[in-house]
Amino acid sequence: MSEDDVAWLDEHVGHGNFRTWAKPTSHLTAESYGRSRAVVDRRLLEQACARLMGPL
């Protein structure tokens, strides 16, 4: 994940709060489970965040 993706995720979901960051982390893990080589990119971040709060 790039620095820009981390900043984007914090702005839209994390808000600097560790407990809030745990939610997208869990969803990213679920989204990438079973993939032989999961790459966390903006598309995967948006999919995980949509599961939390709907489309951004």
N, C-alpha and C. Protein backbone atom coordinates (compact mmCIF):
# COMPACT_ATOMS: atom_id res chain seq x y z
N MET A 1 0.86 -1.16 0.00
CA MET A 1 0.00 0.00 0.00
C MET A 1 0.91 1.23 0.00
N SER A 2 0.57 2.18 -0.84
CA SER A 2 1.38 3.39 -0.93
C SER A 2 1.04 4.37 0.20
N GLU A 3 1.90 5.34 0.38
CA GLU A 3 1.65 6.37 1.40
C GLU A 3 0.36 7.13 1.09
N ASP A 4 0.10 7.38 -0.19
CA ASP A 4 -1.12 8.07 -0.59
C ASP A 4 -2.36 7.26 -0.21
N ASP A 5 -2.27 5.94 -0.37
CA ASP A 5 -3.39 5.07 -0.01
C ASP A 5 -3.63 5.09 1.50
N VAL A 6 -2.56 5.10 2.27
CA VAL A 6 -2.69 5.16 3.73
C VAL A 6 -3.35 6.48 4.13
N ALA A 7 -2.92 7.57 3.53
CA ALA A 7 -3.51 8.88 3.83
C ALA A 7 -4.99 8.92 3.43
N TRP A 8 -5.30 8.34 2.26
CA TRP A 8 -6.69 8.29 1.79
C TRP A 8 -7.56 7.50 2.76
N LEU A 9 -7.05 6.34 3.18
CA LEU A 9 -7.81 5.49 4.10
C LEU A 9 -8.01 6.18 5.43
N ASP A 10 -7.00 6.85 5.93
CA ASP A 10 -7.14 7.55 7.20
C ASP A 10 -8.14 8.69 7.08
N GLU A 11 -8.11 9.40 5.98
CA GLU A 11 -9.04 10.52 5.76
C GLU A 11 -10.49 10.04 5.68
N HIS A 12 -10.73 8.93 4.99
CA HIS A 12 -12.10 8.46 4.77
C HIS A 12 -12.63 7.53 5.84
N VAL A 13 -11.74 6.80 6.52
CA VAL A 13 -12.21 5.78 7.46
C VAL A 13 -11.51 5.84 8.81
N GLY A 14 -10.19 5.88 8.81
CA GLY A 14 -9.41 5.71 10.04
C GLY A 14 -9.47 6.86 11.01
N HIS A 15 -9.36 8.07 10.52
CA HIS A 15 -9.39 9.28 11.33
C HIS A 15 -8.39 9.24 12.49
N GLY A 16 -7.26 8.54 12.28
CA GLY A 16 -6.21 8.51 13.30
C GLY A 16 -6.53 7.68 14.52
N ASN A 17 -7.60 6.90 14.47
CA ASN A 17 -8.03 6.12 15.63
C ASN A 17 -7.72 4.65 15.41
N PHE A 18 -6.98 4.03 16.33
CA PHE A 18 -6.55 2.64 16.17
C PHE A 18 -7.74 1.70 16.03
N ARG A 19 -8.75 1.85 16.86
CA ARG A 19 -9.92 0.96 16.79
C ARG A 19 -10.65 1.11 15.46
N THR A 20 -10.70 2.31 14.94
CA THR A 20 -11.35 2.53 13.65
C THR A 20 -10.52 1.91 12.53
N TRP A 21 -9.20 1.92 12.65
CA TRP A 21 -8.33 1.30 11.66
C TRP A 21 -8.48 -0.22 11.66
N ALA A 22 -8.87 -0.81 12.77
CA ALA A 22 -9.02 -2.27 12.85
C ALA A 22 -10.11 -2.76 11.91
N LYS A 23 -11.15 -1.98 11.73
CA LYS A 23 -12.26 -2.40 10.86
C LYS A 23 -11.83 -2.54 9.40
N PRO A 24 -11.23 -1.51 8.79
CA PRO A 24 -10.82 -1.71 7.39
C PRO A 24 -9.72 -2.76 7.26
N THR A 25 -8.87 -2.89 8.28
CA THR A 25 -7.84 -3.92 8.23
C THR A 25 -8.48 -5.30 8.15
N SER A 26 -9.50 -5.52 8.95
CA SER A 26 -10.21 -6.80 8.93
C SER A 26 -10.86 -7.05 7.57
N HIS A 27 -11.49 -6.03 7.02
CA HIS A 27 -12.14 -6.17 5.72
C HIS A 27 -11.13 -6.36 4.59
N LEU A 28 -9.98 -5.70 4.68
CA LEU A 28 -8.93 -5.91 3.67
C LEU A 28 -8.41 -7.33 3.73
N THR A 29 -8.28 -7.87 4.94
CA THR A 29 -7.85 -9.25 5.10
C THR A 29 -8.87 -10.18 4.46
N ALA A 30 -10.15 -9.93 4.70
CA ALA A 30 -11.21 -10.77 4.12
C ALA A 30 -11.23 -10.66 2.60
N GLU A 31 -11.06 -9.45 2.07
CA GLU A 31 -11.07 -9.24 0.62
C GLU A 31 -9.92 -9.96 -0.07
N SER A 32 -8.77 -10.02 0.61
CA SER A 32 -7.59 -10.61 -0.02
C SER A 32 -7.39 -12.08 0.31
N TYR A 33 -8.22 -12.64 1.19
CA TYR A 33 -8.08 -14.04 1.59
C TYR A 33 -8.21 -14.97 0.38
N GLY A 34 -7.32 -15.91 0.28
CA GLY A 34 -7.38 -16.89 -0.79
C GLY A 34 -6.71 -16.47 -2.07
N ARG A 35 -6.29 -15.26 -2.17
CA ARG A 35 -5.57 -14.81 -3.36
C ARG A 35 -4.10 -15.19 -3.20
N SER A 36 -3.53 -15.70 -4.23
CA SER A 36 -2.14 -16.16 -4.13
C SER A 36 -1.18 -14.99 -3.91
N ARG A 37 -1.51 -13.85 -4.45
CA ARG A 37 -0.63 -12.69 -4.30
C ARG A 37 -1.49 -11.43 -4.22
N ALA A 38 -2.00 -11.18 -3.04
CA ALA A 38 -2.88 -10.03 -2.86
C ALA A 38 -2.08 -8.73 -2.85
N VAL A 39 -2.54 -7.78 -3.63
CA VAL A 39 -1.94 -6.46 -3.65
C VAL A 39 -2.99 -5.48 -3.16
N VAL A 40 -2.63 -4.74 -2.13
CA VAL A 40 -3.56 -3.75 -1.60
C VAL A 40 -3.37 -2.48 -2.41
N ASP A 41 -4.38 -2.16 -3.21
CA ASP A 41 -4.36 -0.95 -4.02
C ASP A 41 -5.66 -0.18 -3.74
N ARG A 42 -5.83 0.92 -4.43
CA ARG A 42 -7.00 1.77 -4.18
C ARG A 42 -8.30 1.03 -4.45
N ARG A 43 -8.33 0.17 -5.48
CA ARG A 43 -9.53 -0.59 -5.79
C ARG A 43 -9.92 -1.51 -4.62
N LEU A 44 -8.94 -2.19 -4.07
CA LEU A 44 -9.20 -3.08 -2.95
C LEU A 44 -9.60 -2.28 -1.71
N LEU A 45 -8.98 -1.14 -1.50
CA LEU A 45 -9.37 -0.27 -0.38
C LEU A 45 -10.81 0.18 -0.52
N GLU A 46 -11.20 0.58 -1.71
CA GLU A 46 -12.57 1.04 -1.93
C GLU A 46 -13.57 -0.10 -1.74
N GLN A 47 -13.22 -1.32 -2.15
CA GLN A 47 -14.11 -2.47 -1.92
C GLN A 47 -14.29 -2.72 -0.43
N ALA A 48 -13.20 -2.71 0.31
CA ALA A 48 -13.27 -2.95 1.75
C ALA A 48 -14.06 -1.84 2.44
N CYS A 49 -13.83 -0.61 2.07
CA CYS A 49 -14.54 0.51 2.69
C CYS A 49 -16.02 0.48 2.34
N ALA A 50 -16.36 0.04 1.15
CA ALA A 50 -17.78 -0.05 0.76
C ALA A 50 -18.51 -1.04 1.63
N ARG A 51 -17.80 -2.07 2.07
CA ARG A 51 -18.43 -3.04 2.98
C ARG A 51 -18.71 -2.40 4.33
N LEU A 52 -17.93 -1.41 4.70
CA LEU A 52 -18.10 -0.73 5.99
C LEU A 52 -19.17 0.36 5.95
N MET A 53 -19.15 1.16 4.88
CA MET A 53 -20.00 2.35 4.90
C MET A 53 -20.72 2.66 3.60
N GLY A 54 -20.65 1.77 2.65
CA GLY A 54 -21.26 2.04 1.36
C GLY A 54 -20.26 2.70 0.44
N PRO A 55 -20.62 2.91 -0.83
CA PRO A 55 -19.68 3.48 -1.81
C PRO A 55 -19.19 4.86 -1.41
N LEU A 56 -17.92 5.12 -1.71
CA LEU A 56 -17.35 6.45 -1.42
C LEU A 56 -17.42 7.32 -2.64
